[in-house]
């Protein structure tokens, strides 16, 4: 079973699972600020679930590519939409600040929430 490392948690899931659903189901704070209330609920139109992913995931689909080609996102930044990403193997997820997760400061890493020391 693939393992997802995010915000100090290691989560086992089935191959092909949707990254957004796995993170939310396991209490990972995927959305920043008011985007917790105002987001597209996983259809790929808002871009607020953007994260940096290391590991084996599905190829970028047209929804992910299209949304991240529009401001405030940039197609040159190494982000993916969690709602449009399928987990194929072990992955490590990092979240950045900003309403859309497009900022340059890290909010949380695979090991811990920013400011935490990684205790579980």
C-alpha atoms as a PDB file:
ATOM      1  CA  UNK A   1       0.000   0.000   0.000  1.00  0.00           C
ATOM      2  CA  UNK A   2       1.307   3.463  -0.837  1.00  0.00           C
ATOM      3  CA  UNK A   3       2.167   5.812   2.015  1.00  0.00           C
ATOM      4  CA  UNK A   4       1.444   9.547   2.027  1.00  0.00           C
ATOM      5  CA  UNK A   5       3.583  11.763   4.273  1.00  0.00           C
ATOM      6  CA  UNK A   6       1.963  15.132   5.018  1.00  0.00           C
ATOM      7  CA  UNK A   7       1.901  17.533   7.968  1.00  0.00           C
ATOM      8  CA  UNK A   8       3.709  15.092  10.248  1.00  0.00           C
ATOM      9  CA  UNK A   9       1.403  12.181   9.418  1.00  0.00           C
ATOM     10  CA  UNK A  10       2.078   8.991   7.503  1.00  0.00           C
ATOM     11  CA  UNK A  11      -1.087   7.653   5.918  1.00  0.00           C
ATOM     12  CA  UNK A  12      -1.503   4.329   4.130  1.00  0.00           C
ATOM     13  CA  UNK A  13      -3.961   4.243   1.240  1.00  0.00           C
ATOM     14  CA  UNK A  14      -4.949   2.222  -1.782  1.00  0.00           C
ATOM     15  CA  UNK A  15      -3.117   2.725  -5.061  1.00  0.00           C
ATOM     16  CA  UNK A  16      -5.194   5.091  -7.219  1.00  0.00           C
ATOM     17  CA  UNK A  17      -6.701   6.961  -4.264  1.00  0.00           C
ATOM     18  CA  UNK A  18      -7.455  10.656  -4.691  1.00  0.00           C
ATOM     19  CA  UNK A  19      -4.875  12.730  -2.781  1.00  0.00           C
ATOM     20  CA  UNK A  20      -7.353  15.420  -1.643  1.00  0.00           C
ATOM     21  CA  UNK A  21      -9.757  12.861  -0.194  1.00  0.00           C
ATOM     22  CA  UNK A  22      -6.989  10.981   1.626  1.00  0.00           C
ATOM     23  CA  UNK A  23      -5.544  14.156   3.160  1.00  0.00           C
ATOM     24  CA  UNK A  24      -8.899  15.521   4.328  1.00  0.00           C
ATOM     25  CA  UNK A  25     -10.080  12.143   5.650  1.00  0.00           C
ATOM     26  CA  UNK A  26      -6.958  11.993   7.821  1.00  0.00           C
ATOM     27  CA  UNK A  27      -7.160  15.510   9.262  1.00  0.00           C
ATOM     28  CA  UNK A  28      -4.461  17.175   7.167  1.00  0.00           C
ATOM     29  CA  UNK A  29      -5.037  20.932   6.835  1.00  0.00           C
ATOM     30  CA  UNK A  30      -5.128  21.119   3.047  1.00  0.00           C
ATOM     31  CA  UNK A  31      -6.710  24.571   2.765  1.00  0.00           C
ATOM     32  CA  UNK A  32      -5.276  27.892   3.956  1.00  0.00           C
ATOM     33  CA  UNK A  33      -7.430  30.511   5.687  1.00  0.00           C
ATOM     34  CA  UNK A  34     -10.851  31.140   4.183  1.00  0.00           C
ATOM     35  CA  UNK A  35     -10.233  28.682   1.356  1.00  0.00           C
ATOM     36  CA  UNK A  36     -11.363  26.084   3.935  1.00  0.00           C
ATOM     37  CA  UNK A  37     -14.860  27.496   3.385  1.00  0.00           C
ATOM     38  CA  UNK A  38     -14.594  28.731  -0.192  1.00  0.00           C
ATOM     39  CA  UNK A  39     -13.284  25.993  -2.472  1.00  0.00           C
ATOM     40  CA  UNK A  40     -14.641  23.927  -5.356  1.00  0.00           C
ATOM     41  CA  UNK A  41     -14.897  20.717  -3.287  1.00  0.00           C
ATOM     42  CA  UNK A  42     -12.645  18.774  -5.587  1.00  0.00           C
ATOM     43  CA  UNK A  43     -13.723  19.535  -9.140  1.00  0.00           C
ATOM     44  CA  UNK A  44     -10.453  21.246 -10.052  1.00  0.00           C
ATOM     45  CA  UNK A  45     -11.720  24.745 -10.747  1.00  0.00           C
ATOM     46  CA  UNK A  46     -10.513  26.824  -7.788  1.00  0.00           C
ATOM     47  CA  UNK A  47      -6.876  25.802  -7.316  1.00  0.00           C
ATOM     48  CA  UNK A  48      -6.850  26.168  -3.515  1.00  0.00           C
ATOM     49  CA  UNK A  49      -5.646  22.599  -2.910  1.00  0.00           C
ATOM     50  CA  UNK A  50      -2.339  23.205  -4.689  1.00  0.00           C
ATOM     51  CA  UNK A  51       0.544  21.311  -3.081  1.00  0.00           C
ATOM     52  CA  UNK A  52       4.075  20.257  -3.931  1.00  0.00           C
ATOM     53  CA  UNK A  53       4.352  16.502  -4.364  1.00  0.00           C
ATOM     54  CA  UNK A  54       7.391  14.231  -4.403  1.00  0.00           C
ATOM     55  CA  UNK A  55       6.736  10.651  -5.416  1.00  0.00           C
ATOM     56  CA  UNK A  56       4.683   8.450  -7.677  1.00  0.00           C
ATOM     57  CA  UNK A  57       1.416  10.083  -8.738  1.00  0.00           C
ATOM     58  CA  UNK A  58      -0.796  10.229 -11.826  1.00  0.00           C
ATOM     59  CA  UNK A  59       0.104  12.382 -14.787  1.00  0.00           C
ATOM     60  CA  UNK A  60      -1.189  15.954 -14.825  1.00  0.00           C
ATOM     61  CA  UNK A  61      -4.686  16.059 -16.321  1.00  0.00           C
ATOM     62  CA  UNK A  62      -6.226  18.935 -18.304  1.00  0.00           C
ATOM     63  CA  UNK A  63      -8.118  20.393 -15.305  1.00  0.00           C
ATOM     64  CA  UNK A  64      -4.986  20.584 -13.192  1.00  0.00           C
ATOM     65  CA  UNK A  65      -2.905  22.009 -16.053  1.00  0.00           C
ATOM     66  CA  UNK A  66      -5.574  24.563 -17.038  1.00  0.00           C
ATOM     67  CA  UNK A  67      -6.225  25.876 -13.501  1.00  0.00           C
ATOM     68  CA  UNK A  68      -2.537  26.185 -12.661  1.00  0.00           C
ATOM     69  CA  UNK A  69      -1.925  28.094 -15.898  1.00  0.00           C
ATOM     70  CA  UNK A  70      -4.078  30.963 -14.558  1.00  0.00           C
ATOM     71  CA  UNK A  71      -3.077  33.553 -11.923  1.00  0.00           C
ATOM     72  CA  UNK A  72      -2.202  33.510  -9.140  1.00  0.00           C
ATOM     73  CA  UNK A  73      -0.738  30.133 -10.071  1.00  0.00           C
ATOM     74  CA  UNK A  74       2.055  29.709 -12.566  1.00  0.00           C
ATOM     75  CA  UNK A  75       2.593  26.732 -14.842  1.00  0.00           C
ATOM     76  CA  UNK A  76       6.311  26.954 -14.089  1.00  0.00           C
ATOM     77  CA  UNK A  77       5.890  26.378 -10.333  1.00  0.00           C
ATOM     78  CA  UNK A  78       6.206  22.773  -9.190  1.00  0.00           C
ATOM     79  CA  UNK A  79       2.683  22.372  -7.763  1.00  0.00           C
ATOM     80  CA  UNK A  80      -0.240  20.026  -8.356  1.00  0.00           C
ATOM     81  CA  UNK A  81      -3.915  20.167  -7.429  1.00  0.00           C
ATOM     82  CA  UNK A  82      -4.509  17.511  -4.772  1.00  0.00           C
ATOM     83  CA  UNK A  83      -8.082  17.032  -6.026  1.00  0.00           C
ATOM     84  CA  UNK A  84      -6.846  16.022  -9.485  1.00  0.00           C
ATOM     85  CA  UNK A  85      -4.005  13.761  -8.324  1.00  0.00           C
ATOM     86  CA  UNK A  86      -4.104   9.982  -7.900  1.00  0.00           C
ATOM     87  CA  UNK A  87      -1.611   8.276  -5.600  1.00  0.00           C
ATOM     88  CA  UNK A  88       0.346   5.524  -7.344  1.00  0.00           C
ATOM     89  CA  UNK A  89       3.175   4.976  -4.833  1.00  0.00           C
ATOM     90  CA  UNK A  90       4.726   6.594  -1.777  1.00  0.00           C
ATOM     91  CA  UNK A  91       4.430  10.403  -1.798  1.00  0.00           C
ATOM     92  CA  UNK A  92       5.591  13.362   0.271  1.00  0.00           C
ATOM     93  CA  UNK A  93       3.410  16.474   0.300  1.00  0.00           C
ATOM     94  CA  UNK A  94       4.332  20.083   1.137  1.00  0.00           C
ATOM     95  CA  UNK A  95       1.852  22.986   1.439  1.00  0.00           C
ATOM     96  CA  UNK A  96       2.728  26.655   0.854  1.00  0.00           C
ATOM     97  CA  UNK A  97       1.055  29.795   2.199  1.00  0.00           C
ATOM     98  CA  UNK A  98      -1.433  31.966   0.340  1.00  0.00           C
ATOM     99  CA  UNK A  99      -5.145  31.542  -0.323  1.00  0.00           C
ATOM    100  CA  UNK A 100      -4.388  29.230  -3.262  1.00  0.00           C
ATOM    101  CA  UNK A 101      -1.266  27.682  -1.724  1.00  0.00           C
ATOM    102  CA  UNK A 102       0.786  29.568  -4.297  1.00  0.00           C
ATOM    103  CA  UNK A 103       3.089  31.432  -1.899  1.00  0.00           C
ATOM    104  CA  UNK A 104       6.792  30.984  -1.307  1.00  0.00           C
ATOM    105  CA  UNK A 105       6.679  30.304   2.457  1.00  0.00           C
ATOM    106  CA  UNK A 106       6.063  26.732   3.602  1.00  0.00           C
ATOM    107  CA  UNK A 107       2.934  26.155   5.719  1.00  0.00           C
ATOM    108  CA  UNK A 108       3.699  22.500   6.426  1.00  0.00           C
ATOM    109  CA  UNK A 109       6.056  19.797   5.212  1.00  0.00           C
ATOM    110  CA  UNK A 110       5.769  16.017   5.055  1.00  0.00           C
ATOM    111  CA  UNK A 111       7.366  15.911   8.505  1.00  0.00           C
ATOM    112  CA  UNK A 112       5.434  18.594  10.391  1.00  0.00           C
ATOM    113  CA  UNK A 113       3.300  21.686  10.470  1.00  0.00           C
ATOM    114  CA  UNK A 114       5.437  24.833  10.292  1.00  0.00           C
ATOM    115  CA  UNK A 115       6.710  25.538  13.806  1.00  0.00           C
ATOM    116  CA  UNK A 116       6.123  21.976  15.069  1.00  0.00           C
ATOM    117  CA  UNK A 117       8.946  19.589  15.719  1.00  0.00           C
ATOM    118  CA  UNK A 118       7.220  16.628  14.132  1.00  0.00           C
ATOM    119  CA  UNK A 119       5.630  15.043  17.195  1.00  0.00           C
ATOM    120  CA  UNK A 120       2.594  12.944  16.387  1.00  0.00           C
END
